[in-house]
C-alpha atoms as a PDB file:
ATOM      1  CA  MET A   1    -124.868 -28.974  19.584  1.00  0.00           C
ATOM      2  CA  LYS A   2    -127.303 -26.872  21.584  1.00  0.00           C
ATOM      3  CA  SER A   3    -128.517 -23.736  19.832  1.00  0.00           C
ATOM      4  CA  SER A   4    -127.071 -21.472  22.537  1.00  0.00           C
ATOM      5  CA  THR A   5    -123.652 -23.165  22.311  1.00  0.00           C
ATOM      6  CA  ARG A   6    -123.718 -22.999  18.517  1.00  0.00           C
ATOM      7  CA  ARG A   7    -124.499 -19.252  18.591  1.00  0.00           C
ATOM      8  CA  ALA A   8    -121.575 -18.647  21.012  1.00  0.00           C
ATOM      9  CA  PHE A   9    -119.182 -20.600  18.790  1.00  0.00           C
ATOM     10  CA  LEU A  10    -120.186 -18.716  15.648  1.00  0.00           C
ATOM     11  CA  ARG A  11    -119.950 -15.376  17.446  1.00  0.00           C
ATOM     12  CA  SER A  12    -116.410 -16.234  18.671  1.00  0.00           C
ATOM     13  CA  ALA A  13    -115.332 -17.364  15.213  1.00  0.00           C
ATOM     14  CA  SER A  14    -116.659 -14.218  13.578  1.00  0.00           C
ATOM     15  CA  LEU A  15    -114.696 -12.081  16.045  1.00  0.00           C
ATOM     16  CA  HIS A  16    -111.418 -13.893  15.223  1.00  0.00           C
ATOM     17  CA  LEU A  17    -111.814 -14.113  11.451  1.00  0.00           C
ATOM     18  CA  PRO A  18    -110.535 -10.566  10.722  1.00  0.00           C
ATOM     19  CA  ALA A  19    -107.398 -11.195  12.770  1.00  0.00           C
ATOM     20  CA  LEU A  20    -106.806 -14.549  11.100  1.00  0.00           C
ATOM     21  CA  ALA A  21    -107.291 -13.012   7.674  1.00  0.00           C
ATOM     22  CA  ALA A  22    -104.862 -10.219   8.479  1.00  0.00           C
ATOM     23  CA  ALA A  23    -102.263 -12.700   9.705  1.00  0.00           C
ATOM     24  CA  ALA A  24    -102.689 -14.763   6.556  1.00  0.00           C
ATOM     25  CA  SER A  25    -102.211 -11.716   4.350  1.00  0.00           C
ATOM     26  CA  LEU A  26     -99.032 -10.753   6.216  1.00  0.00           C
ATOM     27  CA  ALA A  27     -97.506 -14.233   6.238  1.00  0.00           C
ATOM     28  CA  PRO A  28     -96.025 -14.136   2.703  1.00  0.00           C
ATOM     29  CA  GLY A  29     -94.426 -10.766   3.361  1.00  0.00           C
ATOM     30  CA  LEU A  30     -92.982 -11.924   6.665  1.00  0.00           C
ATOM     31  CA  SER A  31     -91.534 -14.991   4.992  1.00  0.00           C
ATOM     32  CA  LEU A  32     -89.856 -12.902   2.333  1.00  0.00           C
ATOM     33  CA  ALA A  33     -88.386 -10.577   4.941  1.00  0.00           C
ATOM     34  CA  ALA A  34     -87.006 -13.528   6.889  1.00  0.00           C
ATOM     35  CA  ASP A  35     -85.392 -14.963   3.751  1.00  0.00           C
ATOM     36  CA  GLU A  36     -83.915 -11.687   2.541  1.00  0.00           C
ATOM     37  CA  PHE A  37     -80.133 -11.506   2.965  1.00  0.00           C
ATOM     38  CA  PRO A  38     -78.705  -9.615   4.682  1.00  0.00           C
ATOM     39  CA  SER A  39     -81.210  -8.238   7.158  1.00  0.00           C
ATOM     40  CA  ARG A  40     -78.902  -7.803  10.168  1.00  0.00           C
ATOM     41  CA  PRO A  41     -75.209  -7.152  10.977  1.00  0.00           C
ATOM     42  CA  ILE A  42     -72.567  -9.553   9.690  1.00  0.00           C
ATOM     43  CA  ARG A  43     -69.751 -10.952  11.835  1.00  0.00           C
ATOM     44  CA  PHE A  44     -66.341 -11.040  10.135  1.00  0.00           C
ATOM     45  CA  VAL A  45     -63.798 -13.222  11.969  1.00  0.00           C
ATOM     46  CA  SER A  46     -60.133 -12.435  11.333  1.00  0.00           C
ATOM     47  CA  PRO A  47     -57.782 -15.064  12.831  1.00  0.00           C
ATOM     48  CA  PHE A  48     -54.953 -12.524  12.872  1.00  0.00           C
ATOM     49  CA  THR A  49     -53.734  -9.952  15.377  1.00  0.00           C
ATOM     50  CA  PRO A  50     -54.912  -6.329  15.106  1.00  0.00           C
ATOM     51  CA  GLY A  51     -52.719  -3.916  13.178  1.00  0.00           C
ATOM     52  CA  GLY A  52     -51.016  -6.423  10.894  1.00  0.00           C
ATOM     53  CA  THR A  53     -51.248  -6.878   7.151  1.00  0.00           C
ATOM     54  CA  ALA A  54     -54.310  -9.126   7.316  1.00  0.00           C
ATOM     55  CA  ASP A  55     -56.098  -6.783   9.703  1.00  0.00           C
ATOM     56  CA  ILE A  56     -55.658  -3.879   7.276  1.00  0.00           C
ATOM     57  CA  LEU A  57     -57.302  -5.945   4.548  1.00  0.00           C
ATOM     58  CA  ALA A  58     -60.119  -7.166   6.793  1.00  0.00           C
ATOM     59  CA  ARG A  59     -61.084  -3.677   7.945  1.00  0.00           C
ATOM     60  CA  ALA A  60     -60.941  -2.134   4.480  1.00  0.00           C
ATOM     61  CA  LEU A  61     -62.995  -4.976   3.022  1.00  0.00           C
ATOM     62  CA  GLY A  62     -65.457  -4.872   5.904  1.00  0.00           C
ATOM     63  CA  GLU A  63     -66.155  -1.184   5.344  1.00  0.00           C
ATOM     64  CA  GLY A  64     -66.701  -1.693   1.624  1.00  0.00           C
ATOM     65  CA  MET A  65     -68.934  -4.730   2.086  1.00  0.00           C
ATOM     66  CA  ALA A  66     -70.995  -2.862   4.679  1.00  0.00           C
ATOM     67  CA  ARG A  67     -71.752  -0.212   2.073  1.00  0.00           C
ATOM     68  CA  ALA A  68     -72.478  -2.807  -0.609  1.00  0.00           C
ATOM     69  CA  LEU A  69     -74.811  -4.824   1.632  1.00  0.00           C
ATOM     70  CA  ASN A  70     -76.274  -1.890   3.556  1.00  0.00           C
ATOM     71  CA  GLN A  71     -75.572  -3.688   6.829  1.00  0.00           C
ATOM     72  CA  PRO A  72     -72.782  -3.315   9.420  1.00  0.00           C
ATOM     73  CA  VAL A  73     -69.855  -5.719   9.076  1.00  0.00           C
ATOM     74  CA  VAL A  74     -68.252  -6.205  12.480  1.00  0.00           C
ATOM     75  CA  ILE A  75     -64.596  -7.286  12.532  1.00  0.00           C
ATOM     76  CA  GLU A  76     -63.694  -9.725  15.294  1.00  0.00           C
ATOM     77  CA  ASN A  77     -59.992 -10.495  15.725  1.00  0.00           C
ATOM     78  CA  MET A  78     -59.707 -14.058  16.972  1.00  0.00           C
ATOM     79  CA  GLY A  79     -56.027 -14.981  16.808  1.00  0.00           C
ATOM     80  CA  GLY A  80     -54.347 -18.055  18.198  1.00  0.00           C
ATOM     81  CA  GLY A  81     -54.101 -21.692  17.291  1.00  0.00           C
ATOM     82  CA  SER A  82     -52.663 -20.877  13.871  1.00  0.00           C
ATOM     83  CA  GLY A  83     -56.085 -19.821  12.640  1.00  0.00           C
ATOM     84  CA  THR A  84     -57.867 -22.770  14.231  1.00  0.00           C
ATOM     85  CA  ILE A  85     -59.699 -20.849  16.971  1.00  0.00           C
ATOM     86  CA  GLY A  86     -61.274 -18.394  14.558  1.00  0.00           C
ATOM     87  CA  GLY A  87     -61.860 -21.071  11.958  1.00  0.00           C
ATOM     88  CA  LEU A  88     -63.761 -23.319  14.341  1.00  0.00           C
ATOM     89  CA  ALA A  89     -65.912 -20.387  15.458  1.00  0.00           C
ATOM     90  CA  VAL A  90     -67.007 -19.865  11.852  1.00  0.00           C
ATOM     91  CA  ALA A  91     -67.352 -23.589  11.170  1.00  0.00           C
ATOM     92  CA  ARG A  92     -69.757 -23.925  14.116  1.00  0.00           C
ATOM     93  CA  ALA A  93     -71.867 -20.913  13.155  1.00  0.00           C
ATOM     94  CA  ARG A  94     -75.257 -21.200  11.472  1.00  0.00           C
ATOM     95  CA  PRO A  95     -74.847 -21.670   7.697  1.00  0.00           C
ATOM     96  CA  ASP A  96     -76.662 -18.457   6.845  1.00  0.00           C
ATOM     97  CA  GLY A  97     -73.893 -16.153   5.578  1.00  0.00           C
ATOM     98  CA  TYR A  98     -73.832 -13.966   8.681  1.00  0.00           C
ATOM     99  CA  THR A  99     -70.420 -15.248   9.808  1.00  0.00           C
ATOM    100  CA  LEU A 100     -67.408 -14.688   7.558  1.00  0.00           C
ATOM    101  CA  TYR A 101     -63.778 -15.796   7.793  1.00  0.00           C
ATOM    102  CA  LEU A 102     -60.595 -14.216   6.488  1.00  0.00           C
ATOM    103  CA  GLY A 103     -58.506 -17.125   5.308  1.00  0.00           C
ATOM    104  CA  GLY A 104     -55.774 -17.661   2.801  1.00  0.00           C
ATOM    105  CA  LEU A 105     -53.234 -19.894   1.152  1.00  0.00           C
ATOM    106  CA  GLY A 106     -51.499 -21.017   4.338  1.00  0.00           C
ATOM    107  CA  ILE A 107     -54.457 -21.617   6.632  1.00  0.00           C
ATOM    108  CA  ASN A 108     -56.997 -22.969   4.170  1.00  0.00           C
ATOM    109  CA  VAL A 109     -54.933 -24.812   1.583  1.00  0.00           C
ATOM    110  CA  VAL A 110     -51.487 -25.763   2.857  1.00  0.00           C
ATOM    111  CA  MET A 111     -51.822 -26.455   6.575  1.00  0.00           C
ATOM    112  CA  PRO A 112     -54.424 -29.217   6.163  1.00  0.00           C
ATOM    113  CA  MET A 113     -51.755 -31.063   4.163  1.00  0.00           C
ATOM    114  CA  ILE A 114     -49.138 -30.630   6.897  1.00  0.00           C
ATOM    115  CA  ASP A 115     -51.260 -31.126  10.016  1.00  0.00           C
ATOM    116  CA  LYS A 116     -53.907 -33.704   9.248  1.00  0.00           C
ATOM    117  CA  ASP A 117     -54.842 -34.023  12.938  1.00  0.00           C
ATOM    118  CA  GLN A 118     -55.890 -30.416  13.505  1.00  0.00           C
ATOM    119  CA  PRO A 119     -59.559 -30.073  14.528  1.00  0.00           C
ATOM    120  CA  PHE A 120     -60.184 -27.325  11.987  1.00  0.00           C
ATOM    121  CA  LYS A 121     -60.922 -28.818   8.562  1.00  0.00           C
ATOM    122  CA  PRO A 122     -61.335 -25.748   6.332  1.00  0.00           C
ATOM    123  CA  GLN A 123     -62.043 -27.626   3.131  1.00  0.00           C
ATOM    124  CA  GLN A 124     -64.968 -29.441   4.753  1.00  0.00           C
ATOM    125  CA  GLN A 125     -66.150 -26.839   7.275  1.00  0.00           C
ATOM    126  CA  LEU A 126     -65.988 -23.644   5.219  1.00  0.00           C
ATOM    127  CA  ALA A 127     -67.457 -22.520   1.914  1.00  0.00           C
ATOM    128  CA  PRO A 128     -65.349 -20.384  -0.469  1.00  0.00           C
ATOM    129  CA  VAL A 129     -66.688 -16.940  -1.354  1.00  0.00           C
ATOM    130  CA  SER A 130     -63.971 -15.011  -3.194  1.00  0.00           C
ATOM    131  CA  LEU A 131     -60.293 -14.393  -3.605  1.00  0.00           C
ATOM    132  CA  LEU A 132     -59.416 -10.976  -2.150  1.00  0.00           C
ATOM    133  CA  ALA A 133     -55.804  -9.989  -2.708  1.00  0.00           C
ATOM    134  CA  SER A 134     -52.253 -11.218  -2.720  1.00  0.00           C
ATOM    135  CA  TYR A 135     -49.439  -9.506  -0.891  1.00  0.00           C
ATOM    136  CA  GLN A 136     -45.687  -9.235  -1.193  1.00  0.00           C
ATOM    137  CA  GLN A 137     -43.214 -10.711   1.277  1.00  0.00           C
ATOM    138  CA  ILE A 138     -39.628  -9.852   2.017  1.00  0.00           C
ATOM    139  CA  ILE A 139     -36.792 -11.280   4.083  1.00  0.00           C
ATOM    140  CA  VAL A 140     -35.207  -8.568   6.210  1.00  0.00           C
ATOM    141  CA  ALA A 141     -32.352  -8.205   8.681  1.00  0.00           C
ATOM    142  CA  ARG A 142     -31.351  -5.474  11.115  1.00  0.00           C
ATOM    143  CA  ALA A 143     -29.375  -2.603   9.654  1.00  0.00           C
ATOM    144  CA  ASP A 144     -26.259  -3.640  11.623  1.00  0.00           C
ATOM    145  CA  SER A 145     -26.434  -7.275  10.487  1.00  0.00           C
ATOM    146  CA  PRO A 146     -23.539  -8.739   8.470  1.00  0.00           C
ATOM    147  CA  ILE A 147     -26.181 -10.271   6.194  1.00  0.00           C
ATOM    148  CA  SER A 148     -26.987  -8.156   3.133  1.00  0.00           C
ATOM    149  CA  THR A 149     -27.814 -10.649   0.374  1.00  0.00           C
ATOM    150  CA  LEU A 150     -29.411 -14.031  -0.140  1.00  0.00           C
ATOM    151  CA  ALA A 151     -25.932 -15.446  -0.722  1.00  0.00           C
ATOM    152  CA  ASP A 152     -24.982 -14.119   2.717  1.00  0.00           C
ATOM    153  CA  ILE A 153     -27.894 -15.980   4.279  1.00  0.00           C
ATOM    154  CA  VAL A 154     -26.759 -19.222   2.667  1.00  0.00           C
ATOM    155  CA  SER A 155     -23.117 -18.803   3.711  1.00  0.00           C
ATOM    156  CA  GLN A 156     -23.877 -17.528   7.229  1.00  0.00           C
ATOM    157  CA  SER A 157     -26.331 -20.352   7.903  1.00  0.00           C
ATOM    158  CA  ARG A 158     -23.674 -22.888   6.947  1.00  0.00           C
ATOM    159  CA  GLN A 159     -21.042 -21.226   9.127  1.00  0.00           C
ATOM    160  CA  LYS A 160     -23.218 -20.459  12.137  1.00  0.00           C
ATOM    161  CA  GLN A 161     -25.563 -23.080  13.521  1.00  0.00           C
ATOM    162  CA  GLY A 162     -28.726 -21.704  15.051  1.00  0.00           C
ATOM    163  CA  LEU A 163     -29.317 -18.808  12.660  1.00  0.00           C
ATOM    164  CA  SER A 164     -32.976 -17.976  13.192  1.00  0.00           C
ATOM    165  CA  TYR A 165     -35.833 -16.351  11.334  1.00  0.00           C
ATOM    166  CA  GLY A 166     -39.290 -15.334  12.481  1.00  0.00           C
ATOM    167  CA  THR A 167     -42.722 -15.323  10.860  1.00  0.00           C
ATOM    168  CA  SER A 168     -46.320 -14.908  11.969  1.00  0.00           C
ATOM    169  CA  GLY A 169     -46.700 -18.661  12.399  1.00  0.00           C
ATOM    170  CA  VAL A 170     -46.608 -22.058  10.771  1.00  0.00           C
ATOM    171  CA  THR A 171     -49.831 -21.505   8.835  1.00  0.00           C
ATOM    172  CA  THR A 172     -48.399 -18.528   6.965  1.00  0.00           C
ATOM    173  CA  SER A 173     -46.983 -18.573   3.479  1.00  0.00           C
ATOM    174  CA  ASN A 174     -44.050 -16.590   4.916  1.00  0.00           C
ATOM    175  CA  TYR A 175     -43.004 -19.716   6.791  1.00  0.00           C
ATOM    176  CA  LEU A 176     -43.847 -22.102   3.971  1.00  0.00           C
ATOM    177  CA  GLY A 177     -41.995 -20.061   1.361  1.00  0.00           C
ATOM    178  CA  THR A 178     -38.877 -19.848   3.514  1.00  0.00           C
ATOM    179  CA  GLU A 179     -38.943 -23.590   4.117  1.00  0.00           C
ATOM    180  CA  VAL A 180     -39.197 -24.217   0.374  1.00  0.00           C
ATOM    181  CA  LEU A 181     -36.261 -21.826  -0.150  1.00  0.00           C
ATOM    182  CA  LYS A 182     -34.204 -23.702   2.453  1.00  0.00           C
ATOM    183  CA  SER A 183     -34.872 -26.975   0.667  1.00  0.00           C
ATOM    184  CA  GLU A 184     -34.087 -25.577  -2.780  1.00  0.00           C
ATOM    185  CA  ALA A 185     -30.880 -23.778  -1.747  1.00  0.00           C
ATOM    186  CA  GLY A 186     -29.654 -26.417   0.675  1.00  0.00           C
ATOM    187  CA  PHE A 187     -29.219 -24.446   3.894  1.00  0.00           C
ATOM    188  CA  ASP A 188     -30.844 -24.427   7.310  1.00  0.00           C
ATOM    189  CA  LEU A 189     -32.487 -21.834   9.538  1.00  0.00           C
ATOM    190  CA  ILE A 190     -34.349 -22.217  12.811  1.00  0.00           C
ATOM    191  CA  HIS A 191     -37.940 -21.071  12.539  1.00  0.00           C
ATOM    192  CA  VAL A 192     -39.437 -19.057  15.399  1.00  0.00           C
ATOM    193  CA  PRO A 193     -43.231 -18.622  15.068  1.00  0.00           C
ATOM    194  CA  TYR A 194     -45.039 -15.572  16.447  1.00  0.00           C
ATOM    195  CA  LYS A 195     -48.672 -14.512  16.749  1.00  0.00           C
ATOM    196  CA  GLY A 196     -48.253 -11.601  14.368  1.00  0.00           C
ATOM    197  CA  GLU A 197     -45.826  -9.380  12.505  1.00  0.00           C
ATOM    198  CA  ALA A 198     -45.574  -6.819  15.302  1.00  0.00           C
ATOM    199  CA  PRO A 199     -43.989  -9.227  17.829  1.00  0.00           C
ATOM    200  CA  THR A 200     -41.829 -10.696  15.066  1.00  0.00           C
ATOM    201  CA  LEU A 201     -40.431  -7.248  14.303  1.00  0.00           C
ATOM    202  CA  GLN A 202     -39.962  -6.487  17.981  1.00  0.00           C
ATOM    203  CA  ASP A 203     -37.731  -9.517  18.478  1.00  0.00           C
ATOM    204  CA  LEU A 204     -35.864  -8.875  15.231  1.00  0.00           C
ATOM    205  CA  MET A 205     -35.084  -5.316  16.289  1.00  0.00           C
ATOM    206  CA  GLY A 206     -34.188  -6.523  19.782  1.00  0.00           C
ATOM    207  CA  GLY A 207     -31.612  -9.010  18.538  1.00  0.00           C
ATOM    208  CA  VAL A 208     -33.542 -12.175  19.385  1.00  0.00           C
ATOM    209  CA  LEU A 209     -33.775 -13.062  15.677  1.00  0.00           C
ATOM    210  CA  GLU A 210     -31.299 -12.678  12.836  1.00  0.00           C
ATOM    211  CA  LEU A 211     -33.919 -12.584  10.075  1.00  0.00           C
ATOM    212  CA  ALA A 212     -37.648 -12.239   9.503  1.00  0.00           C
ATOM    213  CA  ASN A 213     -39.950 -12.963   6.594  1.00  0.00           C
ATOM    214  CA  ILE A 214     -42.682 -10.320   6.764  1.00  0.00           C
ATOM    215  CA  SER A 215     -44.915  -8.360   4.437  1.00  0.00           C
ATOM    216  CA  VAL A 216     -43.422  -5.520   2.422  1.00  0.00           C
ATOM    217  CA  SER A 217     -46.053  -3.124   3.754  1.00  0.00           C
ATOM    218  CA  VAL A 218     -45.013  -3.704   7.372  1.00  0.00           C
ATOM    219  CA  ALA A 219     -41.284  -3.644   6.600  1.00  0.00           C
ATOM    220  CA  MET A 220     -41.236  -0.485   4.480  1.00  0.00           C
ATOM    221  CA  PRO A 221     -41.302   2.146   7.283  1.00  0.00           C
ATOM    222  CA  TYR A 222     -38.344   0.430   8.973  1.00  0.00           C
ATOM    223  CA  ILE A 223     -36.447   0.098   5.708  1.00  0.00           C
ATOM    224  CA  ARG A 224     -36.993   3.775   4.895  1.00  0.00           C
ATOM    225  CA  ALA A 225     -35.875   4.735   8.405  1.00  0.00           C
ATOM    226  CA  GLY A 226     -32.655   2.773   7.981  1.00  0.00           C
ATOM    227  CA  LYS A 227     -33.496   0.305  10.746  1.00  0.00           C
ATOM    228  CA  LEU A 228     -33.875  -2.757   8.521  1.00  0.00           C
ATOM    229  CA  LYS A 229     -32.108  -4.099   5.459  1.00  0.00           C
ATOM    230  CA  ALA A 230     -34.123  -5.571   2.621  1.00  0.00           C
ATOM    231  CA  ILE A 231     -32.425  -8.822   1.646  1.00  0.00           C
ATOM    232  CA  VAL A 232     -34.665 -10.471  -0.948  1.00  0.00           C
ATOM    233  CA  THR A 233     -38.336 -10.368  -1.911  1.00  0.00           C
ATOM    234  CA  MET A 234     -40.228 -13.651  -2.034  1.00  0.00           C
ATOM    235  CA  TYR A 235     -42.631 -12.380  -4.692  1.00  0.00           C
ATOM    236  CA  PRO A 236     -42.340 -13.678  -8.297  1.00  0.00           C
ATOM    237  CA  SER A 237     -40.996 -10.272  -9.398  1.00  0.00           C
ATOM    238  CA  ARG A 238     -39.313  -7.237  -7.889  1.00  0.00           C
ATOM    239  CA  VAL A 239     -41.694  -4.974  -6.016  1.00  0.00           C
ATOM    240  CA  LYS A 240     -42.374  -1.400  -7.051  1.00  0.00           C
ATOM    241  CA  GLU A 241     -41.379   0.119  -3.716  1.00  0.00           C
ATOM    242  CA  LEU A 242     -37.971  -1.624  -3.735  1.00  0.00           C
ATOM    243  CA  PRO A 243     -36.778  -1.796  -7.349  1.00  0.00           C
ATOM    244  CA  ASN A 244     -33.165  -2.492  -6.365  1.00  0.00           C
ATOM    245  CA  VAL A 245     -33.983  -5.482  -4.171  1.00  0.00           C
ATOM    246  CA  PRO A 246     -33.846  -8.767  -6.112  1.00  0.00           C
ATOM    247  CA  SER A 247     -36.642 -11.299  -6.254  1.00  0.00           C
ATOM    248  CA  VAL A 248     -35.839 -14.789  -5.042  1.00  0.00           C
ATOM    249  CA  THR A 249     -36.750 -16.047  -8.537  1.00  0.00           C
ATOM    250  CA  GLU A 250     -33.610 -14.416  -9.927  1.00  0.00           C
ATOM    251  CA  THR A 251     -31.579 -17.058  -8.093  1.00  0.00           C
ATOM    252  CA  TYR A 252     -34.116 -19.821  -7.457  1.00  0.00           C
ATOM    253  CA  PRO A 253     -36.875 -19.710 -10.119  1.00  0.00           C
ATOM    254  CA  ASN A 254     -39.026 -22.360  -8.423  1.00  0.00           C
ATOM    255  CA  VAL A 255     -39.207 -20.722  -5.004  1.00  0.00           C
ATOM    256  CA  SER A 256     -41.380 -17.616  -5.412  1.00  0.00           C
ATOM    257  CA  VAL A 257     -44.478 -17.212  -3.266  1.00  0.00           C
ATOM    258  CA  ASP A 258     -47.634 -15.417  -4.362  1.00  0.00           C
ATOM    259  CA  PRO A 259     -49.580 -15.534  -1.098  1.00  0.00           C
ATOM    260  CA  TRP A 260     -53.235 -14.628  -1.082  1.00  0.00           C
ATOM    261  CA  PHE A 261     -56.087 -13.884   1.260  1.00  0.00           C
ATOM    262  CA  ALA A 262     -59.659 -14.964   0.623  1.00  0.00           C
ATOM    263  CA  LEU A 263     -63.135 -14.777   2.097  1.00  0.00           C
ATOM    264  CA  TYR A 264     -65.025 -17.815   3.365  1.00  0.00           C
ATOM    265  CA  THR A 265     -68.250 -18.517   5.195  1.00  0.00           C
ATOM    266  CA  THR A 266     -69.733 -21.525   6.956  1.00  0.00           C
ATOM    267  CA  ALA A 267     -70.176 -24.701   4.903  1.00  0.00           C
ATOM    268  CA  ARG A 268     -73.695 -25.452   3.650  1.00  0.00           C
ATOM    269  CA  THR A 269     -74.546 -21.763   3.332  1.00  0.00           C
ATOM    270  CA  PRO A 270     -77.097 -21.364   0.499  1.00  0.00           C
ATOM    271  CA  ALA A 271     -75.588 -20.694  -2.921  1.00  0.00           C
ATOM    272  CA  ALA A 272     -77.698 -17.565  -3.393  1.00  0.00           C
ATOM    273  CA  THR A 273     -76.334 -16.095  -0.161  1.00  0.00           C
ATOM    274  CA  ILE A 274     -72.763 -16.879  -1.186  1.00  0.00           C
ATOM    275  CA  SER A 275     -73.414 -15.232  -4.549  1.00  0.00           C
ATOM    276  CA  THR A 276     -74.617 -12.099  -2.747  1.00  0.00           C
ATOM    277  CA  LEU A 277     -71.456 -12.062  -0.629  1.00  0.00           C
ATOM    278  CA  ASN A 278     -69.256 -12.556  -3.694  1.00  0.00           C
ATOM    279  CA  ALA A 279     -70.917  -9.613  -5.440  1.00  0.00           C
ATOM    280  CA  ALA A 280     -70.413  -7.474  -2.327  1.00  0.00           C
ATOM    281  CA  VAL A 281     -66.701  -8.349  -2.283  1.00  0.00           C
ATOM    282  CA  ARG A 282     -66.290  -7.338  -5.910  1.00  0.00           C
ATOM    283  CA  LYS A 283     -68.154  -4.082  -5.368  1.00  0.00           C
ATOM    284  CA  ALA A 284     -66.070  -3.271  -2.287  1.00  0.00           C
ATOM    285  CA  LEU A 285     -62.743  -3.945  -3.990  1.00  0.00           C
ATOM    286  CA  GLU A 286     -63.777  -1.820  -6.969  1.00  0.00           C
ATOM    287  CA  GLU A 287     -64.078   1.249  -4.735  1.00  0.00           C
ATOM    288  CA  LYS A 288     -61.181   3.535  -5.631  1.00  0.00           C
ATOM    289  CA  ALA A 289     -60.463   4.509  -2.035  1.00  0.00           C
ATOM    290  CA  ILE A 290     -60.189   0.869  -0.971  1.00  0.00           C
ATOM    291  CA  ALA A 291     -58.175  -0.168  -4.026  1.00  0.00           C
ATOM    292  CA  ASP A 292     -55.749   2.724  -3.503  1.00  0.00           C
ATOM    293  CA  LEU A 293     -55.342   1.961   0.205  1.00  0.00           C
ATOM    294  CA  LEU A 294     -54.621  -1.703  -0.417  1.00  0.00           C
ATOM    295  CA  GLU A 295     -52.126  -0.904  -3.172  1.00  0.00           C
ATOM    296  CA  GLN A 296     -50.321   1.519  -0.869  1.00  0.00           C
ATOM    297  CA  ARG A 297     -50.122  -1.254   1.726  1.00  0.00           C
ATOM    298  CA  GLY A 298     -48.528  -3.671  -0.718  1.00  0.00           C
ATOM    299  CA  PHE A 299     -51.581  -5.670  -1.793  1.00  0.00           C
ATOM    300  CA  VAL A 300     -52.498  -6.765  -5.306  1.00  0.00           C
ATOM    301  CA  VAL A 301     -56.311  -6.841  -5.507  1.00  0.00           C
ATOM    302  CA  ARG A 302     -57.622 -10.087  -7.020  1.00  0.00           C
ATOM    303  CA  SER A 303     -61.341 -10.677  -6.559  1.00  0.00           C
ATOM    304  CA  SER A 304     -63.095 -13.705  -8.078  1.00  0.00           C
ATOM    305  CA  PRO A 305     -65.942 -13.437 -10.616  1.00  0.00           C
ATOM    306  CA  SER A 306     -67.794 -16.163  -8.708  1.00  0.00           C
ATOM    307  CA  ALA A 307     -67.402 -18.497  -5.758  1.00  0.00           C
ATOM    308  CA  ASP A 308     -67.037 -21.436  -8.156  1.00  0.00           C
ATOM    309  CA  ALA A 309     -64.170 -19.691  -9.950  1.00  0.00           C
ATOM    310  CA  PHE A 310     -62.393 -19.174  -6.644  1.00  0.00           C
ATOM    311  CA  ALA A 311     -62.956 -22.818  -5.660  1.00  0.00           C
ATOM    312  CA  LYS A 312     -61.274 -23.970  -8.885  1.00  0.00           C
ATOM    313  CA  PHE A 313     -58.366 -21.573  -8.309  1.00  0.00           C
ATOM    314  CA  SER A 314     -57.946 -22.926  -4.789  1.00  0.00           C
ATOM    315  CA  GLN A 315     -57.876 -26.514  -6.041  1.00  0.00           C
ATOM    316  CA  ALA A 316     -55.111 -25.639  -8.515  1.00  0.00           C
ATOM    317  CA  GLU A 317     -53.119 -23.953  -5.736  1.00  0.00           C
ATOM    318  CA  ALA A 318     -53.500 -27.054  -3.585  1.00  0.00           C
ATOM    319  CA  ALA A 319     -51.994 -29.227  -6.316  1.00  0.00           C
ATOM    320  CA  THR A 320     -49.051 -26.837  -6.776  1.00  0.00           C
ATOM    321  CA  TRP A 321     -48.272 -26.628  -3.075  1.00  0.00           C
ATOM    322  CA  GLN A 322     -48.652 -30.336  -2.500  1.00  0.00           C
ATOM    323  CA  ALA A 323     -45.827 -30.906  -4.984  1.00  0.00           C
ATOM    324  CA  ARG A 324     -43.705 -28.157  -3.398  1.00  0.00           C
ATOM    325  CA  LEU A 325     -44.174 -29.435   0.138  1.00  0.00           C
ATOM    326  CA  HIS A 326     -43.416 -32.981  -0.906  1.00  0.00           C
ATOM    327  CA  LYS A 327     -40.162 -31.842  -2.527  1.00  0.00           C
ATOM    328  CA  ALA A 328     -39.255 -29.850   0.606  1.00  0.00           C
ATOM    329  CA  LYS A 329     -40.037 -32.965   2.705  1.00  0.00           C
ATOM    330  CA  LEU A 330     -42.635 -31.078   4.723  1.00  0.00           C
ATOM    331  CA  ILE A 331     -45.168 -33.781   3.862  1.00  0.00           C
ATOM    332  CA  ALA A 332     -44.762 -37.454   3.026  1.00  0.00           C
END
C-alpha cells in the first residue's frame, strides 16, 4: 500500500471509530428495548358483536390490562363465522403477544369436536393465557307466552312441531346446553342461530321465536320490565338476581352449563410474554371497579394462576363435553 493511500485509510478509520464505538455501546440497550414486552399498543380481537355480554367483558378487561401493562389495549370486534373470522386473524398474527383473542368454552373447546372441517383450529393455532369469567344463562319467553315452566316447554314442544329457540350461534354454550337438555329430557326444538344476543332478543320480542337462551345480564332489564318471562336458568344453581327461578339441575342434574370466557394469544408466543399477559389479567380482574361491574352484569370472575393451570382446566372441560356431546348424539 502506498504511503499516501495508507494515511488516507487510517485518517478515515479514525474519523469513524467514535461513531462505531457509540453504536456498539448502544446496541445492548437497543436489544433490551426491542425485547421488552409490551412496548406498543395491544390488539384485542373479540369475535362477538358490540354491546353483548362478551363485549362487556372484553372492554372491562381491556381497560384493566391497559393499566396493568401501561400500554393501550384496542378492542376490535370481528364477528361472523362463529368465531372463525376473528380466530383466524389472531392465528395468523405474529407470535409476539400483541394480538389477543376472547374465546371460551364453545368456540375453543366444543366446536372443534363438532366441526372438524372448520379452518380455525384453536387448539393448534392459539395459546391459552387465562380463564376470565363464567356467566349465567337463562331460557326466556315473551310475557304473553303460554310457556311459563320447563315442563311447559317439554309439553308444548311435543304438541306443537316447529317450536323454536334462538341463541347467539352454534359455537355458544347457550346452544350446546339447550341441545344437551333436549337430549336428556326427550323433546325437540328448532334452533335459530343469530350473530348476537341483541338480534336474538329482537326476534323473540317480535314473535319470530318462542324461546331464547341468553345471558342473565342481557335478559334482566326485560324481565324487570315485565316483557319477558324467566323460565329456567341453565346455571348449576339458582342465580342471585332471580331466586324464585329454578335451575335446570333441579329437574335434570346432568344438564347444567357453566360457560366461561378466556383469553388466548397466537400459538408459539414466548412463555415469558404469556406469563406477563396472565399476570396482567389477574391484576385487572382484581380491580374492585372491574370486579363489581362484572358481577353486576352476571359474571363470576375466575382468573387462572398461570397459563399452564388454565390449559389443564381446558383439557378437563374438553373431556367432560366430549362425553356430553356423544350422549346427545352431536358427535359420533
